[in-house]
């Protein structure tokens, strides 16, 4: 087992959100988590998978509104 388990506070810090957001993900079962007694931990791999699945790639490069001078 080489996967690190992160607390809700650590996940919130990685995502740049408050602790309420990871707690909501857990409550809605939208992210994998492990209960250790009364503590909830999220594997780093689950967090990476969550971020990867929700990363939006651009459709195409933006074109400049201005044409190059001839």
C-alpha atoms as a PDB file:
ATOM      1  CA  UNK A   1       0.000   0.000   0.000  1.00  0.00           C
ATOM      2  CA  UNK A   2       1.926   3.008  -1.253  1.00  0.00           C
ATOM      3  CA  UNK A   3      -1.102   5.315  -1.477  1.00  0.00           C
ATOM      4  CA  UNK A   4      -1.214   8.156   1.051  1.00  0.00           C
ATOM      5  CA  UNK A   5      -4.514   8.887   2.744  1.00  0.00           C
ATOM      6  CA  UNK A   6      -5.440  12.536   3.126  1.00  0.00           C
ATOM      7  CA  UNK A   7      -7.696  14.160   5.684  1.00  0.00           C
ATOM      8  CA  UNK A   8     -10.619  16.330   4.639  1.00  0.00           C
ATOM      9  CA  UNK A   9      -8.600  19.432   5.528  1.00  0.00           C
ATOM     10  CA  UNK A  10      -5.694  18.307   3.332  1.00  0.00           C
ATOM     11  CA  UNK A  11      -8.022  17.564   0.404  1.00  0.00           C
ATOM     12  CA  UNK A  12      -9.614  20.992   0.765  1.00  0.00           C
ATOM     13  CA  UNK A  13      -6.159  22.583   0.687  1.00  0.00           C
ATOM     14  CA  UNK A  14      -5.179  20.673  -2.474  1.00  0.00           C
ATOM     15  CA  UNK A  15      -8.436  21.658  -4.199  1.00  0.00           C
ATOM     16  CA  UNK A  16      -8.242  25.237  -2.950  1.00  0.00           C
ATOM     17  CA  UNK A  17     -11.681  25.074  -1.335  1.00  0.00           C
ATOM     18  CA  UNK A  18     -13.184  25.090   2.115  1.00  0.00           C
ATOM     19  CA  UNK A  19     -13.599  21.806   4.008  1.00  0.00           C
ATOM     20  CA  UNK A  20     -17.296  21.874   3.193  1.00  0.00           C
ATOM     21  CA  UNK A  21     -16.703  20.888  -0.445  1.00  0.00           C
ATOM     22  CA  UNK A  22     -14.806  17.601   0.217  1.00  0.00           C
ATOM     23  CA  UNK A  23     -17.321  16.751   2.930  1.00  0.00           C
ATOM     24  CA  UNK A  24     -20.121  17.204   0.394  1.00  0.00           C
ATOM     25  CA  UNK A  25     -18.282  14.964  -2.096  1.00  0.00           C
ATOM     26  CA  UNK A  26     -18.088  12.309   0.616  1.00  0.00           C
ATOM     27  CA  UNK A  27     -21.730  12.686   1.661  1.00  0.00           C
ATOM     28  CA  UNK A  28     -22.895  12.403  -1.956  1.00  0.00           C
ATOM     29  CA  UNK A  29     -20.529   9.436  -2.562  1.00  0.00           C
ATOM     30  CA  UNK A  30     -18.874  11.270  -5.464  1.00  0.00           C
ATOM     31  CA  UNK A  31     -15.334  10.395  -4.332  1.00  0.00           C
ATOM     32  CA  UNK A  32     -13.795   7.242  -2.886  1.00  0.00           C
ATOM     33  CA  UNK A  33     -13.078   7.436   0.830  1.00  0.00           C
ATOM     34  CA  UNK A  34     -12.063   5.223   3.744  1.00  0.00           C
ATOM     35  CA  UNK A  35     -13.462   5.395   7.251  1.00  0.00           C
ATOM     36  CA  UNK A  36     -10.942   4.764  10.010  1.00  0.00           C
ATOM     37  CA  UNK A  37     -12.999   4.797  13.164  1.00  0.00           C
ATOM     38  CA  UNK A  38     -14.668   8.188  13.142  1.00  0.00           C
ATOM     39  CA  UNK A  39     -12.075   9.653  10.795  1.00  0.00           C
ATOM     40  CA  UNK A  40     -12.572   9.917   7.041  1.00  0.00           C
ATOM     41  CA  UNK A  41      -9.585   9.653   4.716  1.00  0.00           C
ATOM     42  CA  UNK A  42      -9.360  10.037   0.953  1.00  0.00           C
ATOM     43  CA  UNK A  43      -6.649   8.171  -0.985  1.00  0.00           C
ATOM     44  CA  UNK A  44      -4.382  10.390  -3.094  1.00  0.00           C
ATOM     45  CA  UNK A  45      -5.154   8.218  -6.117  1.00  0.00           C
ATOM     46  CA  UNK A  46      -8.898   8.840  -5.671  1.00  0.00           C
ATOM     47  CA  UNK A  47      -8.296  12.591  -5.464  1.00  0.00           C
ATOM     48  CA  UNK A  48      -6.079  12.503  -8.573  1.00  0.00           C
ATOM     49  CA  UNK A  49      -8.737  10.488 -10.411  1.00  0.00           C
ATOM     50  CA  UNK A  50     -11.443  12.933  -9.360  1.00  0.00           C
ATOM     51  CA  UNK A  51      -9.412  15.885 -10.641  1.00  0.00           C
ATOM     52  CA  UNK A  52      -8.502  14.084 -13.893  1.00  0.00           C
ATOM     53  CA  UNK A  53     -12.121  13.118 -14.603  1.00  0.00           C
ATOM     54  CA  UNK A  54     -13.279  16.699 -14.177  1.00  0.00           C
ATOM     55  CA  UNK A  55     -10.495  18.446 -16.066  1.00  0.00           C
ATOM     56  CA  UNK A  56     -11.889  20.137 -19.156  1.00  0.00           C
ATOM     57  CA  UNK A  57      -9.636  20.440 -22.186  1.00  0.00           C
ATOM     58  CA  UNK A  58     -10.076  23.318 -24.656  1.00  0.00           C
ATOM     59  CA  UNK A  59     -11.883  22.483 -27.885  1.00  0.00           C
ATOM     60  CA  UNK A  60      -9.355  24.195 -30.119  1.00  0.00           C
ATOM     61  CA  UNK A  61      -6.751  26.927 -29.864  1.00  0.00           C
ATOM     62  CA  UNK A  62      -8.136  30.429 -29.933  1.00  0.00           C
ATOM     63  CA  UNK A  63      -7.643  32.304 -33.130  1.00  0.00           C
ATOM     64  CA  UNK A  64      -6.613  35.866 -33.052  1.00  0.00           C
ATOM     65  CA  UNK A  65      -9.255  38.324 -34.172  1.00  0.00           C
ATOM     66  CA  UNK A  66      -6.579  40.133 -36.127  1.00  0.00           C
ATOM     67  CA  UNK A  67      -4.933  38.829 -39.271  1.00  0.00           C
ATOM     68  CA  UNK A  68      -1.191  38.943 -39.713  1.00  0.00           C
ATOM     69  CA  UNK A  69       0.121  41.848 -41.776  1.00  0.00           C
ATOM     70  CA  UNK A  70       1.179  40.884 -45.265  1.00  0.00           C
END
